[in-house]
Protein backbone atom coordinates (compact mmCIF):
# COMPACT_ATOMS: atom_id res chain seq x y z
CA UNK A 1 74.47 95.57 154.52
CA UNK A 2 77.54 93.60 153.48
CA UNK A 3 75.61 90.32 153.85
CA UNK A 4 72.69 91.76 151.87
CA UNK A 5 75.05 92.91 149.12
CA UNK A 6 76.52 89.43 148.87
CA UNK A 7 73.07 87.86 148.66
CA UNK A 8 71.94 90.25 145.93
CA UNK A 9 75.13 89.76 143.93
CA UNK A 10 74.36 86.05 143.90
CA UNK A 11 70.69 86.53 143.05
CA UNK A 12 71.27 89.13 140.35
CA UNK A 13 74.40 87.63 138.85
CA UNK A 14 78.01 88.77 138.87
CA UNK A 15 78.62 91.57 136.41
CA UNK A 16 81.44 94.05 136.93
CA UNK A 17 80.42 97.67 137.42
CA UNK A 18 81.30 100.26 134.77
CA UNK A 19 84.40 102.40 135.10
CA UNK A 20 82.30 105.49 135.76
CA UNK A 21 80.83 104.04 138.94
CA UNK A 22 82.43 105.40 142.07
CA UNK A 23 82.03 104.62 145.72
CA UNK A 24 80.54 107.92 146.83
CA UNK A 25 78.84 108.25 150.19
CA UNK A 26 75.80 110.49 150.54
CA UNK A 27 76.77 113.68 152.35
CA UNK A 28 74.40 114.98 154.97
CA UNK A 29 73.86 118.60 155.98
CA UNK A 30 73.51 119.87 159.54
CA UNK A 31 69.89 118.72 159.75
CA UNK A 32 70.87 115.14 158.94
CA UNK A 33 69.35 115.35 155.48
CA UNK A 34 71.41 114.48 152.42
CA UNK A 35 73.01 117.27 150.41
CA UNK A 36 74.34 115.01 147.62
CA UNK A 37 71.84 113.07 145.53
CA UNK A 38 73.25 110.01 143.76
CA UNK A 39 71.36 108.96 140.64
CA UNK A 40 71.85 105.75 138.67
CA UNK A 41 70.82 105.40 135.04
CA UNK A 42 71.57 103.42 131.87
CA UNK A 43 72.46 104.67 128.36
CA UNK A 44 69.09 103.73 126.91
CA UNK A 45 66.51 105.90 125.15
CA UNK A 46 64.08 104.46 127.69
CA UNK A 47 65.66 106.69 130.32
CA UNK A 48 65.91 110.01 128.47
CA UNK A 49 63.87 111.65 131.25
CA UNK A 50 66.88 111.46 133.57
CA UNK A 51 69.09 113.01 130.91
CA UNK A 52 66.64 115.79 130.09
CA UNK A 53 66.32 116.73 133.77
CA UNK A 54 70.11 116.80 134.00
CA UNK A 55 70.74 118.71 130.75
CA UNK A 56 68.08 121.31 131.56
CA UNK A 57 69.52 121.78 135.05
CA UNK A 58 66.23 120.77 136.61
CA UNK A 59 67.69 118.32 139.12
CA UNK A 60 69.96 120.99 140.56
CA UNK A 61 67.43 123.82 140.36
CA UNK A 62 64.35 121.96 141.59
CA UNK A 63 66.07 120.07 144.42
CA UNK A 64 68.16 122.95 145.79
CA UNK A 65 65.32 124.21 148.07
CA UNK A 66 65.40 120.79 149.73
CA UNK A 67 69.07 121.03 150.66
CA UNK A 68 70.54 119.25 147.62
CA UNK A 69 73.73 121.05 146.61
CA UNK A 70 75.37 118.30 144.56
CA UNK A 71 74.02 115.90 141.93
CA UNK A 72 76.10 112.83 141.09
CA UNK A 73 75.10 110.63 138.16
CA UNK A 74 76.38 107.09 137.59
CA UNK A 75 76.00 105.17 134.35
CA UNK A 76 75.48 101.39 134.33
CA UNK A 77 75.33 98.95 131.39
CA UNK A 78 72.29 97.08 132.77
CA UNK A 79 70.05 97.04 135.82
CA UNK A 80 71.91 94.19 137.52
CA UNK A 81 75.06 96.13 138.54
CA UNK A 82 72.88 99.20 139.13
CA UNK A 83 70.90 97.34 141.78
CA UNK A 84 74.12 95.99 143.25
CA UNK A 85 75.26 99.59 143.69
CA UNK A 86 71.97 100.51 145.37
CA UNK A 87 72.29 97.51 147.70
CA UNK A 88 75.81 98.69 148.57
CA UNK A 89 74.39 102.08 149.58
CA UNK A 90 75.94 103.91 146.62
CA UNK A 91 72.70 105.19 145.05
CA UNK A 92 69.71 107.12 146.42
CA UNK A 93 67.57 106.68 143.32
CA UNK A 94 67.78 104.74 140.09
CA UNK A 95 66.29 104.78 136.62
CA UNK A 96 66.24 101.04 136.04
CA UNK A 97 64.29 98.23 134.41
CA UNK A 98 61.38 97.15 136.60
CA UNK A 99 62.56 93.54 136.89
CA UNK A 100 66.02 93.88 138.55
CA UNK A 101 64.57 95.62 141.64
CA UNK A 102 62.31 92.60 142.15
CA UNK A 103 65.32 90.34 142.78
CA UNK A 104 67.03 93.00 144.89
CA UNK A 105 63.94 93.79 147.00
CA UNK A 106 63.28 90.06 147.40
CA UNK A 107 66.80 89.71 148.81
CA UNK A 108 66.20 92.58 151.25
CA UNK A 109 66.93 95.86 149.46
CA UNK A 110 64.89 98.60 151.21
CA UNK A 111 63.58 100.53 148.19
CA UNK A 112 60.37 101.15 146.24
CA UNK A 113 59.21 102.02 142.76
CA UNK A 114 57.75 105.54 143.05
CA UNK A 115 57.20 106.42 139.38
CA UNK A 116 57.06 104.81 135.96
CA UNK A 117 59.59 105.68 133.25
CA UNK A 118 58.48 103.80 130.15
CA UNK A 119 56.57 100.83 128.77
CA UNK A 120 57.63 98.47 125.93
CA UNK A 121 60.66 99.60 123.88
CA UNK A 122 62.77 96.48 123.21
CA UNK A 123 63.14 94.52 119.95
CA UNK A 124 64.17 91.04 118.92
CA UNK A 125 66.61 91.53 116.02
CA UNK A 126 67.91 88.59 113.97
CA UNK A 127 70.73 88.14 111.46
CA UNK A 128 69.69 89.43 108.00
CA UNK A 129 69.91 85.97 106.46
CA UNK A 130 67.53 84.33 108.94
CA UNK A 131 63.81 83.91 108.31
CA UNK A 132 61.53 84.53 111.26
CA UNK A 133 58.34 82.46 111.28
CA UNK A 134 57.10 82.90 114.82
CA UNK A 135 58.49 81.97 118.26
CA UNK A 136 59.03 78.32 117.31
CA UNK A 137 61.50 79.37 114.61
CA UNK A 138 63.90 80.53 117.34
CA UNK A 139 64.55 76.94 118.46
CA UNK A 140 68.20 76.11 117.96
CA UNK A 141 69.24 79.76 117.71
CA UNK A 142 71.53 81.70 120.03
CA UNK A 143 70.07 84.97 121.30
CA UNK A 144 71.94 87.57 123.33
CA UNK A 145 69.95 89.54 125.88
CA UNK A 146 70.20 91.06 129.35
CA UNK A 147 71.00 88.81 132.36
CA UNK A 148 68.48 86.56 134.15
CA UNK A 149 66.05 88.63 136.21
CA UNK A 150 66.14 91.53 133.74
CA UNK A 151 63.13 92.88 131.83
CA UNK A 152 64.32 91.44 128.53
CA UNK A 153 65.17 88.01 129.96
CA UNK A 154 61.80 87.80 131.72
CA UNK A 155 59.71 89.07 128.78
CA UNK A 156 61.40 86.77 126.29
CA UNK A 157 61.20 83.62 128.38
CA UNK A 158 57.57 84.26 129.30
CA UNK A 159 56.73 84.85 125.62
CA UNK A 160 58.47 81.64 124.54
CA UNK A 161 56.71 79.57 127.20
CA UNK A 162 53.30 81.06 126.37
CA UNK A 163 53.86 80.09 122.73
CA UNK A 164 54.73 76.50 123.56
CA UNK A 165 58.48 76.85 123.03
CA UNK A 166 60.74 75.04 125.48
CA UNK A 167 63.10 77.78 126.72
CA UNK A 168 65.94 75.25 126.84
CA UNK A 169 65.68 74.92 123.04
CA UNK A 170 66.85 78.52 122.63
CA UNK A 171 70.42 79.33 123.68
CA UNK A 172 69.83 82.57 125.58
CA UNK A 173 73.12 84.22 126.49
CA UNK A 174 73.38 86.96 129.14
CA UNK A 175 75.13 89.90 127.50
CA UNK A 176 75.44 93.67 127.91
CA UNK A 177 74.27 95.71 124.87
CA UNK A 178 77.75 96.50 123.51
CA UNK A 179 79.09 92.92 123.51
CA UNK A 180 75.74 91.61 122.22
CA UNK A 181 75.76 94.00 119.26
CA UNK A 182 79.37 93.14 118.48
CA UNK A 183 78.68 89.41 118.68
CA UNK A 184 75.73 89.72 116.29
CA UNK A 185 77.79 91.78 113.84
CA UNK A 186 80.54 89.13 113.95
CA UNK A 187 78.07 86.30 113.36
CA UNK A 188 78.83 84.76 116.75
CA UNK A 189 75.15 84.79 117.75
CA UNK A 190 71.94 84.65 115.71
CA UNK A 191 70.06 87.53 117.28
CA UNK A 192 69.63 89.92 120.17
CA UNK A 193 66.72 91.06 122.30
CA UNK A 194 67.72 94.49 123.57
CA UNK A 195 66.18 97.83 124.58
CA UNK A 196 66.42 100.80 122.26
CA UNK A 197 68.48 102.35 120.82
CA UNK A 198 70.47 99.12 120.23
CA UNK A 199 67.93 97.55 117.82
CA UNK A 200 67.79 100.74 115.74
CA UNK A 201 71.58 100.92 115.53
CA UNK A 202 71.82 97.30 114.39
CA UNK A 203 69.16 97.75 111.71
CA UNK A 204 70.66 100.98 110.34
CA UNK A 205 74.09 99.38 110.12
CA UNK A 206 72.58 96.50 108.13
CA UNK A 207 73.67 93.93 110.72
CA UNK A 208 70.20 92.66 111.54
CA UNK A 209 66.48 92.93 110.88
CA UNK A 210 63.69 93.55 113.35
CA UNK A 211 61.61 90.43 114.03
CA UNK A 212 59.38 91.21 117.02
CA UNK A 213 58.84 94.24 119.24
CA UNK A 214 58.49 93.62 122.97
CA UNK A 215 55.03 95.21 122.92
CA UNK A 216 53.96 92.38 120.60
CA UNK A 217 55.34 89.83 123.04
CA UNK A 218 53.64 91.47 126.01
CA UNK A 219 51.43 94.50 125.24
CA UNK A 220 52.11 97.58 127.39
CA UNK A 221 54.52 95.75 129.67
CA UNK A 222 56.38 97.76 132.30
CA UNK A 223 59.95 98.48 131.35
CA UNK A 224 61.91 101.15 133.21
CA UNK A 225 60.91 102.61 136.56
CA UNK A 226 62.15 105.15 139.07
CA UNK A 227 63.30 103.44 142.27
CA UNK A 228 64.06 105.35 145.48
CA UNK A 229 65.46 104.06 148.78
CA UNK A 230 63.08 103.58 151.70
CA UNK A 231 65.40 105.78 153.76
CA UNK A 232 64.85 108.75 151.47
CA UNK A 233 61.09 108.13 151.30
CA UNK A 234 60.83 107.94 155.09
CA UNK A 235 63.22 110.72 156.07
CA UNK A 236 62.70 113.21 153.23
CA UNK A 237 59.30 112.60 151.60
CA UNK A 238 59.08 116.21 150.37
CA UNK A 239 62.35 115.74 148.49
CA UNK A 240 61.03 112.55 146.89
CA UNK A 241 57.84 114.36 145.90
CA UNK A 242 59.95 116.97 144.11
CA UNK A 243 62.02 114.26 142.44
CA UNK A 244 58.75 112.84 141.09
CA UNK A 245 57.57 116.31 139.98
CA UNK A 246 60.83 116.88 138.11
CA UNK A 247 60.60 113.43 136.55
CA UNK A 248 57.04 114.15 135.38
CA UNK A 249 58.19 117.48 133.92
CA UNK A 250 61.03 115.78 132.05
CA UNK A 251 58.74 113.01 130.78
CA UNK A 252 56.18 115.50 129.52
CA UNK A 253 58.97 117.46 127.83
CA UNK A 254 60.23 114.39 125.98
CA UNK A 255 56.76 113.55 124.69
CA UNK A 256 56.29 117.14 123.49
CA UNK A 257 59.81 117.49 122.07
CA UNK A 258 61.05 114.05 120.92
CA UNK A 259 63.59 115.44 118.44
CA UNK A 260 65.26 117.65 121.04
CA UNK A 261 65.14 114.72 123.48
CA UNK A 262 67.02 112.64 120.91
CA UNK A 263 69.63 115.38 120.63
CA UNK A 264 70.03 115.51 124.42
CA UNK A 265 70.48 111.74 124.52
CA UNK A 266 73.05 111.79 121.70
CA UNK A 267 75.01 114.55 123.45
CA UNK A 268 74.92 112.77 126.82
CA UNK A 269 75.99 109.37 125.48
CA UNK A 270 78.09 110.57 122.50
CA UNK A 271 75.81 108.56 120.22
CA UNK A 272 75.09 109.04 116.52
CA UNK A 273 72.16 111.48 116.30
CA UNK A 274 70.77 109.86 113.13
CA UNK A 275 70.57 106.48 114.87
CA UNK A 276 68.93 107.96 117.96
CA UNK A 277 66.36 109.90 115.93
CA UNK A 278 65.56 106.70 114.03
CA UNK A 279 65.19 104.85 117.33
CA UNK A 280 62.85 107.43 118.85
CA UNK A 281 60.67 107.44 115.70
CA UNK A 282 60.51 103.66 115.23
CA UNK A 283 60.42 102.06 118.68
CA UNK A 284 57.17 100.75 120.14
CA UNK A 285 57.89 102.26 123.55
CA UNK A 286 56.17 105.10 125.36
CA UNK A 287 57.50 107.43 128.04
CA UNK A 288 55.17 107.50 131.06
CA UNK A 289 55.36 108.57 134.69
CA UNK A 290 52.33 107.07 136.46
CA UNK A 291 53.55 104.01 138.44
CA UNK A 292 50.04 102.60 138.64
CA UNK A 293 50.11 101.63 134.95
CA UNK A 294 53.08 99.37 135.68
CA UNK A 295 51.65 97.51 138.67
CA UNK A 296 49.89 94.62 136.83
CA UNK A 297 52.83 93.64 134.59
CA UNK A 298 55.36 94.17 137.39
CA UNK A 299 53.44 91.75 139.60
CA UNK A 300 53.44 89.32 136.67
CA UNK A 301 57.23 89.74 136.45
CA UNK A 302 57.40 88.92 140.16
CA UNK A 303 55.31 85.80 139.57
CA UNK A 304 57.49 84.65 136.65
CA UNK A 305 60.67 85.33 138.65
CA UNK A 306 59.31 83.28 141.54
CA UNK A 307 58.30 80.41 139.25
CA UNK A 308 61.76 80.43 137.63
CA UNK A 309 63.30 80.49 141.13
CA UNK A 310 64.98 83.86 140.63
CA UNK A 311 63.36 84.88 143.92
CA UNK A 312 62.59 82.88 147.05
CA UNK A 313 59.24 84.52 147.77
CA UNK A 314 56.39 85.96 145.72
CA UNK A 315 56.46 89.73 146.09
CA UNK A 316 53.31 91.85 146.37
CA UNK A 317 52.44 95.35 145.22
CA UNK A 318 53.13 96.59 148.75
CA UNK A 319 56.62 95.06 148.63
CA UNK A 320 57.50 96.73 145.34
CA UNK A 321 55.61 100.00 145.04
CA UNK A 322 54.92 103.20 146.93
CA UNK A 323 52.47 105.09 144.74
CA UNK A 324 51.31 107.41 147.53
CA UNK A 325 53.82 110.17 146.76
CA UNK A 326 52.98 110.17 143.05
CA UNK A 327 49.28 110.31 143.91
CA UNK A 328 49.95 113.22 146.28
CA UNK A 329 51.88 115.08 143.58
CA UNK A 330 49.12 114.35 141.04
CA UNK A 331 46.45 115.57 143.46
CA UNK A 332 48.37 118.77 144.15
CA UNK A 333 48.77 119.45 140.43
CA UNK A 334 45.06 118.90 139.75
CA UNK A 335 44.08 121.30 142.53
CA UNK A 336 46.20 124.11 141.10
C-alpha cells in the first residue's frame, strides 16, 4: 500500500491535504465488518447529495442497520488529494470528479464507481475586460484550473485540441478553487475554469464574466461520481447497496428542493446563500445517480488521459465501474 500511495502521488500530482483531513482507520465490529464509514467530499455544489444525506441524518439512520455507528466526513479541495487519501486507506467512499479515480485506479487503487453524482457544471470565466471569440481567442492567456488528470483539466484540453488550438499556446495553471479565484481577482491570471459555485461567486462579485459552460465544451459529460473501495463492495455489498439507495434519495431530494439544497450547502460550507442560490439556478449541471449515463464520457476521459500519458494503460469500463449494485437497487425499487 505504501508503494501504491507513492505511485499515485506521482501520477496525480503533489498537493497537500486540507487541515480537516485526519488519519482515521476504519473500525471493525465483532463480525469483521466496519462500524465507522469514512466519506470524502469536496465543497462544490456538484456534491450537495453528500451534504443533504448528512444534514438530514440519512447516512447515520440508513446505515445503522448494517453496523455503521459512526460517520466521518473529510473535506478536500480537489479530487487529487482525495484520491491520495483513498489510496492511503483513509476513505471507504468518495464523492469525487470522475477523472481523478482513473489515474488512481490505473496506478492500482482497488475501487470502483458505483453511482453517478452529476454531469456538466463547470464554467470558463474570464476577466471582465477580455473579449471571448471562441477557443482560439484563449491563445496567449493564462487560465487557472484543477490539476492534470482532473475533470476540468481533461475537458478543457480536449476541447482546445478538438477546436484546433495547440494546448501549449494556453498557459494552463494547476490551482485549487480558492487560490484560482484570488489570482483572477488580483489580475494575476486571465481566467479560470472551475466547477460551481466558484464561477457564480466570481460573476456576482464582478471579477469575471462567464465565457463557456462545460456542457458546451462537452455535452452531458460526466463530472462527479461516487467511488467505493473494492473491499467494501466485496465484503459488505448490502451496505454498499444502502449507500447507493441513500445517495439516490438525496439526489432526488435536491432535484425536488433545489432552494433548500442550496441552504444546506451554504450552512455546511459557511458560504454566502445568495451566491449559492445564484449558482444552483444558473449552472448547466444536473444532479444524477445512474452510473450508466457516465460510462461513455468516462471512457473518453480514460482515452484522453492515456493519450496525454497521465496513465500507462487504457482503462476499460470493467476497470472503472461496478454498475451491478445500482442495477440491483433499481430493480428492487421497480418491483416494489
